[in-house]
Protein backbone atom coordinates (compact mmCIF):
# COMPACT_ATOMS: atom_id res chain seq x y z
CA MET A 1 282.36 105.60 212.07
CA THR A 2 280.24 102.53 211.38
CA ARG A 3 278.44 101.95 208.14
CA ASN A 4 275.06 102.65 209.76
CA ASN A 5 276.25 106.13 210.73
CA LYS A 6 277.45 107.14 207.29
CA LYS A 7 275.69 109.92 205.40
CA LYS A 8 273.15 109.01 202.76
CA LEU A 9 273.98 109.75 199.13
CA LEU A 10 271.81 111.91 196.89
CA ASP A 11 269.16 109.86 195.12
CA SER A 12 269.73 109.53 191.37
CA LYS A 13 265.97 109.71 190.83
CA ASP A 14 266.05 113.38 191.89
CA TYR A 15 268.74 114.56 189.44
CA ILE A 16 269.35 114.59 185.69
CA PRO A 17 272.10 112.03 184.96
CA HIS A 18 275.39 113.03 183.27
CA LEU A 19 274.65 116.77 183.51
CA ALA A 20 276.47 119.22 185.79
CA TYR A 21 277.27 122.91 185.88
CA ASP A 22 280.32 124.91 186.98
CA SER A 23 280.39 128.61 187.82
CA VAL A 24 283.27 131.07 187.47
CA ILE A 25 282.32 133.82 189.91
CA PHE A 26 284.26 137.03 189.25
CA GLY A 27 284.66 139.85 191.77
CA PHE A 28 286.79 143.01 191.85
CA ASN A 29 288.24 144.14 195.20
CA GLY A 30 289.46 147.52 193.98
CA THR A 31 292.88 146.35 192.83
CA GLN A 32 292.54 142.72 191.67
CA LEU A 33 290.15 140.59 189.65
CA LYS A 34 289.32 137.52 191.76
CA ILE A 35 287.24 134.36 191.56
CA LEU A 36 285.67 132.14 194.20
CA ILE A 37 287.36 128.76 194.69
CA LEU A 38 286.30 126.07 197.16
CA GLU A 39 288.41 123.36 198.81
CA TYR A 40 286.88 119.94 199.44
CA HIS A 41 287.16 118.52 202.94
CA ASN A 42 290.32 116.44 203.63
CA THR A 43 291.25 116.10 199.94
CA GLU A 44 293.36 119.15 198.98
CA PHE A 45 291.10 119.35 195.91
CA PHE A 46 290.39 122.92 194.79
CA ALA A 47 287.44 123.48 192.47
CA LEU A 48 284.98 125.92 190.99
CA PRO A 49 281.58 126.06 192.68
CA GLY A 50 279.26 123.73 190.79
CA GLY A 51 276.49 121.24 191.17
CA PHE A 52 273.79 119.11 189.59
CA VAL A 53 270.38 119.82 188.10
CA LYS A 54 267.22 118.48 189.68
CA ARG A 55 264.77 116.72 187.37
CA GLY A 56 262.06 119.30 187.98
CA GLU A 57 264.41 122.28 187.71
CA ASN A 58 265.51 124.53 184.87
CA LEU A 59 269.26 124.58 184.26
CA ASP A 60 269.44 128.34 184.84
CA ASP A 61 267.52 127.98 188.11
CA ALA A 62 269.93 125.29 189.30
CA VAL A 63 272.90 127.59 188.69
CA LYS A 64 271.17 130.50 190.45
CA ARG A 65 270.39 128.22 193.38
CA GLY A 66 274.06 127.21 193.66
CA LEU A 67 275.22 130.82 193.45
CA LYS A 68 272.83 131.93 196.17
CA GLU A 69 274.01 129.10 198.44
CA ARG A 70 277.68 130.12 197.95
CA THR A 71 277.31 133.95 197.88
CA GLY A 72 274.01 134.76 199.57
CA LEU A 73 273.03 136.94 196.57
CA ASP A 74 269.88 136.67 194.49
CA HIS A 75 270.32 139.11 191.62
CA ILE A 76 273.56 138.28 189.82
CA TYR A 77 274.79 138.98 186.29
CA LEU A 78 275.05 135.48 184.87
CA GLU A 79 275.95 134.15 181.44
CA GLN A 80 276.29 130.66 180.01
CA PHE A 81 279.49 130.64 177.96
CA HIS A 82 280.60 127.10 177.07
CA THR A 83 279.93 123.36 177.45
CA PHE A 84 282.74 121.04 178.51
CA GLY A 85 282.40 117.40 177.49
CA SER A 86 285.87 115.97 176.89
CA LEU A 87 286.38 112.29 177.69
CA SER A 88 289.36 113.26 179.82
CA ARG A 89 287.17 115.17 182.29
CA SER A 90 285.65 111.90 183.51
CA GLN A 91 287.60 111.12 186.70
CA PRO A 92 285.34 109.13 189.05
CA GLU A 93 288.17 108.59 191.55
CA ILE A 94 288.01 112.31 192.43
CA MET A 95 284.33 112.20 193.33
CA ARG A 96 284.86 108.92 195.15
CA LYS A 97 287.54 110.50 197.38
CA ILE A 98 285.44 113.60 198.04
CA LEU A 99 282.48 111.52 199.19
CA LYS A 100 284.65 109.13 201.20
CA GLU A 101 286.35 111.96 203.12
CA ASN A 102 282.93 113.41 203.92
CA ASP A 103 281.73 110.09 205.40
CA PHE A 104 279.20 109.22 202.72
CA GLU A 105 278.09 105.67 202.12
CA LEU A 106 279.75 104.55 198.86
CA LYS A 107 278.37 102.32 196.12
CA ASP A 108 280.37 101.17 193.11
CA ASP A 109 277.55 101.98 190.70
CA TYR A 110 276.70 105.37 192.20
CA TRP A 111 275.46 107.84 189.57
CA MET A 112 277.98 110.55 190.54
CA PHE A 113 280.81 108.27 189.39
CA ASP A 114 279.54 108.33 185.79
CA ARG A 115 280.75 110.65 183.06
CA PHE A 116 279.39 114.22 183.28
CA ILE A 117 279.09 117.00 180.73
CA SER A 118 279.35 120.39 182.41
CA VAL A 119 277.63 123.58 181.27
CA ALA A 120 279.78 126.53 182.37
CA TYR A 121 278.57 129.96 183.46
CA TYR A 122 280.36 133.08 184.55
CA ALA A 123 278.95 135.48 187.11
CA LEU A 124 279.90 139.08 187.87
CA ILE A 125 279.24 140.26 191.41
CA ASN A 126 280.08 143.12 193.73
CA TYR A 127 282.97 141.85 195.85
CA ASP A 128 281.94 143.88 198.90
CA GLU A 129 278.42 142.41 199.00
CA VAL A 130 279.48 138.76 199.26
CA GLU A 131 280.01 136.59 202.32
CA PRO A 132 281.27 133.32 200.78
CA LYS A 133 279.69 130.20 202.27
CA PRO A 134 281.18 126.70 201.82
CA ASP A 135 278.82 123.84 201.05
CA GLU A 136 278.54 120.63 203.08
CA LEU A 137 281.40 118.95 201.19
CA SER A 138 283.84 121.85 201.52
CA ASP A 139 286.14 123.18 204.22
CA SER A 140 286.28 126.65 202.71
CA ILE A 141 285.38 128.89 199.81
CA ASN A 142 287.64 131.91 199.29
CA TRP A 143 288.53 134.62 196.83
CA TYR A 144 291.71 134.06 194.81
CA ALA A 145 293.37 136.55 192.47
CA ILE A 146 293.07 135.39 188.88
CA ASP A 147 296.88 135.08 188.59
CA GLU A 148 297.29 133.37 191.99
CA LEU A 149 294.95 130.38 191.67
CA PRO A 150 295.71 127.10 193.45
CA PRO A 151 295.95 123.91 191.33
CA LEU A 152 292.39 123.16 190.23
CA MET A 153 290.96 119.66 189.82
CA MET A 154 289.89 118.07 186.54
CA ASP A 155 289.44 120.64 183.76
CA HIS A 156 288.50 123.55 185.99
CA ARG A 157 291.59 125.56 185.02
CA LYS A 158 290.49 125.35 181.37
CA ILE A 159 287.01 126.52 182.39
CA VAL A 160 288.54 129.56 184.14
CA GLU A 161 290.70 130.39 181.13
CA LYS A 162 287.75 130.14 178.76
CA ALA A 163 285.61 132.33 181.05
CA LEU A 164 288.32 134.98 181.21
CA GLN A 165 288.65 135.03 177.43
CA VAL A 166 284.88 135.43 177.00
CA LEU A 167 284.91 138.19 179.62
CA ARG A 168 287.62 140.03 177.66
CA ASP A 169 285.74 139.62 174.39
CA ASN A 170 282.58 141.01 175.98
CA LEU A 171 284.26 143.78 177.93
CA GLU A 172 282.80 146.77 176.11
CA ARG A 173 279.94 145.24 174.17
CA LYS A 174 278.19 144.17 177.38
CA LEU A 175 279.65 146.75 179.76
CA VAL A 176 280.68 144.11 182.25
CA GLY A 177 282.34 146.70 184.45
CA MET A 178 278.98 147.83 185.77
CA ASN A 179 278.55 144.53 187.57
CA LEU A 180 281.95 144.62 189.26
CA LEU A 181 281.77 148.20 190.53
CA PRO A 182 279.51 150.10 192.93
CA PRO A 183 276.71 152.19 191.35
CA LYS A 184 278.98 155.24 191.34
CA PHE A 185 282.70 154.98 190.67
CA THR A 186 285.70 157.03 189.65
CA MET A 187 287.32 156.86 186.25
CA LYS A 188 290.37 155.38 187.95
CA GLN A 189 288.29 152.52 189.39
CA LEU A 190 286.77 151.82 185.98
CA GLN A 191 290.21 151.78 184.36
CA GLN A 192 291.47 149.38 187.05
CA VAL A 193 288.65 146.94 186.19
CA TYR A 194 289.56 147.06 182.51
CA GLU A 195 293.26 146.58 183.24
CA CYS A 196 292.65 143.62 185.55
CA ILE A 197 290.44 141.87 183.01
CA LEU A 198 292.73 142.58 180.06
CA GLY A 199 295.90 141.86 182.01
CA GLU A 200 297.65 144.98 180.74
CA LYS A 201 298.19 148.64 181.63
CA LEU A 202 296.21 151.27 179.71
CA ARG A 203 297.17 154.87 179.01
CA ARG A 204 295.00 157.03 181.29
CA THR A 205 294.28 159.88 178.87
CA THR A 206 293.51 157.54 175.98
CA PHE A 207 291.24 155.36 178.12
CA GLN A 208 289.26 158.30 179.47
CA ARG A 209 288.86 159.94 176.07
CA ARG A 210 287.65 156.68 174.52
CA LEU A 211 285.17 155.86 177.29
CA LEU A 212 283.76 159.38 177.49
CA GLY A 213 283.45 159.44 173.72
CA LYS A 214 281.14 156.42 173.80
CA ASN A 215 278.48 158.43 175.67
CA ILE A 216 277.79 155.55 178.07
CA LEU A 217 278.79 157.33 181.29
CA GLU A 218 276.95 159.92 183.36
CA ARG A 219 279.08 162.31 185.43
CA HIS A 220 278.08 163.11 189.02
CA GLU A 221 279.52 165.05 191.96
CA LYS A 222 283.18 164.96 192.90
CA LEU A 223 284.55 162.47 195.43
CA PHE A 224 286.17 164.63 198.11
CA GLN A 225 288.77 162.66 200.07
CA GLY A 226 291.70 165.04 200.28
CA LYS A 227 292.62 168.23 198.48
CA ALA A 228 289.58 169.71 196.75
CA HIS A 229 291.38 170.53 193.49
CA LYS A 230 292.39 166.87 193.12
CA ALA A 231 288.97 165.36 193.83
CA PRO A 232 287.90 163.05 190.98
CA TYR A 233 284.40 163.00 189.53
CA LEU A 234 282.10 160.07 190.17
CA TYR A 235 280.48 158.32 187.21
CA SER A 236 277.74 155.78 186.60
CA PHE A 237 276.66 153.85 183.52
CA LYS A 238 273.67 155.29 181.68
CA VAL A 239 272.08 151.86 181.29
CA SER A 240 268.88 151.81 183.35
CA ASN A 241 267.89 149.02 185.72
CA SER A 242 265.10 147.92 183.37
CA GLU A 243 267.48 147.77 180.42
CA ARG A 244 270.02 145.85 182.48
CA GLN A 245 267.41 143.32 183.61
CA LYS A 246 266.25 142.89 180.03
CA GLU A 247 269.84 142.35 178.85
CA ASP A 248 270.55 139.86 181.64
CA LYS A 249 267.41 137.90 180.74
CA GLU A 250 268.38 137.79 177.07
CA LEU A 251 271.95 136.72 177.90
CA ILE A 252 271.02 133.84 180.12
CA HIS A 253 268.49 132.44 177.66
CA LYS A 254 270.46 132.90 174.48
């Protein structure tokens, strides 16, 4: 390809310099906790979905825009959890290779080769509602089990580990399970979410007694799939949609 046919780079005048974001997008497929990982074209670089912030754009809106482009979803539980700014995360040769393999016109002083501080978010989404979509720089974006991740570029593994720790710390205080499960679920499904996030098995009777004792669940009809006497009850969280929206708004702006 000749130079005249190469793709044009993003204009630095349109974006805030030295600021990026990365998103750890969690989903639960019924048995495993997974996250979305993309692979850049012709590089064998695996990374978290991320991006840059436009000059006329709020940081939160930039992250939501990136999530919608990768998942197709608008309303997502989203929380900012940490800022990563180590000197070691500056690796311009990685961005240079990504752009080169995607046939972009390269300039030595291009703004994407500078040092970037990344604001990290985690998102909780319903696995069954997502159709992952790669961006123009990527060959693919796929779900990977949290304990089966490919080697991630730069400091993205540290970002995942930090997100998982925050998720564990917030597990009951913010009822994160409600964002990984359908509106109605069995007690077994809820326990599986807890076990996948915590990375350990829980005693069934103790778990059920503790959760029911918190008065946060509403019991519904039984889920009949086989023998009637073994049908489990369905549950939902008592938190209303208005309360959830209010909590989400407070979380993202804290």
